């Protein structure tokens, strides 16, 4: 009788664990259209653009050499930090390929200048 109860308990636990629902797929919370790219904020806190998921949305502000006003570069990134120097170079202002990001690393989604 004990063996039967143990088997029944094990079988019940397997059913409960095996039939638990899969985690929900992230869904789009908001769509942002900018001059550079359309990108999406996802329900799990990530960001998507051009079919790639990014962990961070970074707004990087600073002043380029001899500029009259600050610039803000908005990147979706899998890198936690991007320096302003790297941000402006990777925005298309460098002639060195090593200054640019691979698509899996980061993508520029907006660029603004202020007063």
C-alpha atoms as a PDB file:
ATOM      1  CA  UNK A   1       0.000   0.000   0.000  1.00  0.00           C
ATOM      2  CA  UNK A   2       2.870   2.379   0.837  1.00  0.00           C
ATOM      3  CA  UNK A   3       4.491   1.705  -2.545  1.00  0.00           C
ATOM      4  CA  UNK A   4       1.233   2.457  -4.331  1.00  0.00           C
ATOM      5  CA  UNK A   5       0.872   5.766  -2.475  1.00  0.00           C
ATOM      6  CA  UNK A   6       4.470   6.736  -3.258  1.00  0.00           C
ATOM      7  CA  UNK A   7       3.983   5.896  -6.957  1.00  0.00           C
ATOM      8  CA  UNK A   8       0.732   7.849  -7.038  1.00  0.00           C
ATOM      9  CA  UNK A   9       2.413  10.839  -5.406  1.00  0.00           C
ATOM     10  CA  UNK A  10       5.364  10.703  -7.843  1.00  0.00           C
ATOM     11  CA  UNK A  11       3.023  10.363 -10.819  1.00  0.00           C
ATOM     12  CA  UNK A  12       0.937  13.331  -9.627  1.00  0.00           C
ATOM     13  CA  UNK A  13       4.060  15.475  -9.193  1.00  0.00           C
ATOM     14  CA  UNK A  14       5.254  14.564 -12.694  1.00  0.00           C
ATOM     15  CA  UNK A  15       1.901  15.578 -14.126  1.00  0.00           C
ATOM     16  CA  UNK A  16       1.957  18.910 -12.318  1.00  0.00           C
ATOM     17  CA  UNK A  17       5.544  19.720 -13.300  1.00  0.00           C
ATOM     18  CA  UNK A  18       5.264  18.362 -16.828  1.00  0.00           C
ATOM     19  CA  UNK A  19       2.046  20.215 -17.580  1.00  0.00           C
ATOM     20  CA  UNK A  20       3.012  23.599 -16.229  1.00  0.00           C
ATOM     21  CA  UNK A  21       2.607  26.335 -18.832  1.00  0.00           C
ATOM     22  CA  UNK A  22       5.596  27.589 -20.783  1.00  0.00           C
ATOM     23  CA  UNK A  23       6.795  31.097 -19.971  1.00  0.00           C
ATOM     24  CA  UNK A  24       4.967  33.655 -22.078  1.00  0.00           C
ATOM     25  CA  UNK A  25       6.822  35.047 -25.054  1.00  0.00           C
ATOM     26  CA  UNK A  26       7.591  38.760 -24.719  1.00  0.00           C
ATOM     27  CA  UNK A  27       5.186  41.022 -26.568  1.00  0.00           C
ATOM     28  CA  UNK A  28       5.473  44.573 -27.877  1.00  0.00           C
ATOM     29  CA  UNK A  29       4.629  47.214 -25.273  1.00  0.00           C
ATOM     30  CA  UNK A  30       5.314  50.226 -27.490  1.00  0.00           C
ATOM     31  CA  UNK A  31       6.553  51.040 -30.965  1.00  0.00           C
ATOM     32  CA  UNK A  32       8.964  53.933 -31.431  1.00  0.00           C
ATOM     33  CA  UNK A  33       9.529  55.374 -34.891  1.00  0.00           C
ATOM     34  CA  UNK A  34      12.590  57.535 -35.326  1.00  0.00           C
ATOM     35  CA  UNK A  35      14.413  58.823 -38.399  1.00  0.00           C
ATOM     36  CA  UNK A  36      17.018  56.060 -38.016  1.00  0.00           C
ATOM     37  CA  UNK A  37      14.939  52.991 -37.169  1.00  0.00           C
ATOM     38  CA  UNK A  38      11.634  51.701 -35.918  1.00  0.00           C
ATOM     39  CA  UNK A  39      12.178  49.856 -32.659  1.00  0.00           C
ATOM     40  CA  UNK A  40      10.092  48.172 -30.009  1.00  0.00           C
ATOM     41  CA  UNK A  41       9.957  48.097 -26.227  1.00  0.00           C
ATOM     42  CA  UNK A  42       9.153  44.536 -25.165  1.00  0.00           C
ATOM     43  CA  UNK A  43       7.158  43.287 -22.175  1.00  0.00           C
ATOM     44  CA  UNK A  44      10.218  41.622 -20.624  1.00  0.00           C
ATOM     45  CA  UNK A  45      12.190  44.897 -20.504  1.00  0.00           C
ATOM     46  CA  UNK A  46      14.261  44.255 -23.620  1.00  0.00           C
ATOM     47  CA  UNK A  47      14.255  46.221 -26.872  1.00  0.00           C
ATOM     48  CA  UNK A  48      14.063  44.997 -30.474  1.00  0.00           C
ATOM     49  CA  UNK A  49      15.125  46.468 -33.793  1.00  0.00           C
ATOM     50  CA  UNK A  50      15.694  44.820 -37.139  1.00  0.00           C
ATOM     51  CA  UNK A  51      15.006  41.379 -35.673  1.00  0.00           C
ATOM     52  CA  UNK A  52      17.661  41.624 -32.938  1.00  0.00           C
ATOM     53  CA  UNK A  53      16.910  41.783 -29.206  1.00  0.00           C
ATOM     54  CA  UNK A  54      18.902  44.237 -27.086  1.00  0.00           C
ATOM     55  CA  UNK A  55      19.169  44.432 -23.298  1.00  0.00           C
ATOM     56  CA  UNK A  56      19.640  48.190 -22.975  1.00  0.00           C
ATOM     57  CA  UNK A  57      18.424  51.495 -24.406  1.00  0.00           C
ATOM     58  CA  UNK A  58      21.178  54.046 -23.843  1.00  0.00           C
ATOM     59  CA  UNK A  59      20.895  57.827 -24.188  1.00  0.00           C
ATOM     60  CA  UNK A  60      24.433  59.166 -24.454  1.00  0.00           C
ATOM     61  CA  UNK A  61      24.844  62.951 -24.284  1.00  0.00           C
ATOM     62  CA  UNK A  62      27.950  65.063 -24.761  1.00  0.00           C
ATOM     63  CA  UNK A  63      29.564  67.659 -26.976  1.00  0.00           C
ATOM     64  CA  UNK A  64      31.626  66.801 -30.038  1.00  0.00           C
ATOM     65  CA  UNK A  65      34.852  68.677 -30.759  1.00  0.00           C
ATOM     66  CA  UNK A  66      34.187  72.292 -31.817  1.00  0.00           C
ATOM     67  CA  UNK A  67      30.389  71.794 -31.667  1.00  0.00           C
ATOM     68  CA  UNK A  68      28.172  74.641 -30.478  1.00  0.00           C
ATOM     69  CA  UNK A  69      25.565  72.393 -28.812  1.00  0.00           C
ATOM     70  CA  UNK A  70      25.339  68.983 -27.135  1.00  0.00           C
ATOM     71  CA  UNK A  71      24.279  65.876 -29.035  1.00  0.00           C
ATOM     72  CA  UNK A  72      22.355  62.905 -27.705  1.00  0.00           C
ATOM     73  CA  UNK A  73      22.773  59.517 -29.343  1.00  0.00           C
ATOM     74  CA  UNK A  74      20.212  56.822 -28.572  1.00  0.00           C
ATOM     75  CA  UNK A  75      21.471  53.271 -28.975  1.00  0.00           C
ATOM     76  CA  UNK A  76      19.876  49.910 -28.391  1.00  0.00           C
ATOM     77  CA  UNK A  77      22.705  47.832 -27.037  1.00  0.00           C
ATOM     78  CA  UNK A  78      23.834  44.569 -25.545  1.00  0.00           C
ATOM     79  CA  UNK A  79      26.769  46.504 -24.070  1.00  0.00           C
ATOM     80  CA  UNK A  80      25.958  48.036 -20.695  1.00  0.00           C
ATOM     81  CA  UNK A  81      28.037  51.179 -21.286  1.00  0.00           C
ATOM     82  CA  UNK A  82      29.066  53.107 -24.393  1.00  0.00           C
ATOM     83  CA  UNK A  83      31.290  56.166 -24.098  1.00  0.00           C
ATOM     84  CA  UNK A  84      30.252  59.398 -25.799  1.00  0.00           C
ATOM     85  CA  UNK A  85      33.424  59.290 -27.902  1.00  0.00           C
ATOM     86  CA  UNK A  86      32.520  55.828 -29.205  1.00  0.00           C
ATOM     87  CA  UNK A  87      28.858  56.802 -29.677  1.00  0.00           C
ATOM     88  CA  UNK A  88      29.519  59.728 -32.001  1.00  0.00           C
ATOM     89  CA  UNK A  89      32.154  57.854 -33.984  1.00  0.00           C
ATOM     90  CA  UNK A  90      29.870  54.837 -34.461  1.00  0.00           C
ATOM     91  CA  UNK A  91      27.037  57.139 -35.552  1.00  0.00           C
ATOM     92  CA  UNK A  92      28.700  57.400 -38.953  1.00  0.00           C
ATOM     93  CA  UNK A  93      31.262  60.083 -38.216  1.00  0.00           C
ATOM     94  CA  UNK A  94      34.371  57.913 -38.252  1.00  0.00           C
ATOM     95  CA  UNK A  95      36.295  56.578 -41.214  1.00  0.00           C
ATOM     96  CA  UNK A  96      37.681  53.660 -39.174  1.00  0.00           C
ATOM     97  CA  UNK A  97      35.674  50.432 -39.337  1.00  0.00           C
ATOM     98  CA  UNK A  98      36.883  49.478 -35.864  1.00  0.00           C
ATOM     99  CA  UNK A  99      34.851  52.408 -34.433  1.00  0.00           C
ATOM    100  CA  UNK A 100      31.554  50.864 -35.520  1.00  0.00           C
ATOM    101  CA  UNK A 101      29.410  48.290 -33.704  1.00  0.00           C
ATOM    102  CA  UNK A 102      28.446  44.868 -34.957  1.00  0.00           C
ATOM    103  CA  UNK A 103      24.632  44.627 -35.245  1.00  0.00           C
ATOM    104  CA  UNK A 104      24.543  42.215 -32.276  1.00  0.00           C
ATOM    105  CA  UNK A 105      26.369  44.766 -30.090  1.00  0.00           C
ATOM    106  CA  UNK A 106      24.441  47.986 -30.706  1.00  0.00           C
ATOM    107  CA  UNK A 107      22.353  49.934 -33.187  1.00  0.00           C
ATOM    108  CA  UNK A 108      21.828  53.691 -33.447  1.00  0.00           C
ATOM    109  CA  UNK A 109      18.103  54.482 -33.299  1.00  0.00           C
ATOM    110  CA  UNK A 110      18.104  58.263 -32.787  1.00  0.00           C
ATOM    111  CA  UNK A 111      20.353  61.302 -32.774  1.00  0.00           C
ATOM    112  CA  UNK A 112      19.303  64.691 -31.428  1.00  0.00           C
ATOM    113  CA  UNK A 113      21.035  68.012 -30.973  1.00  0.00           C
ATOM    114  CA  UNK A 114      20.003  70.542 -28.364  1.00  0.00           C
ATOM    115  CA  UNK A 115      20.617  74.110 -27.300  1.00  0.00           C
END
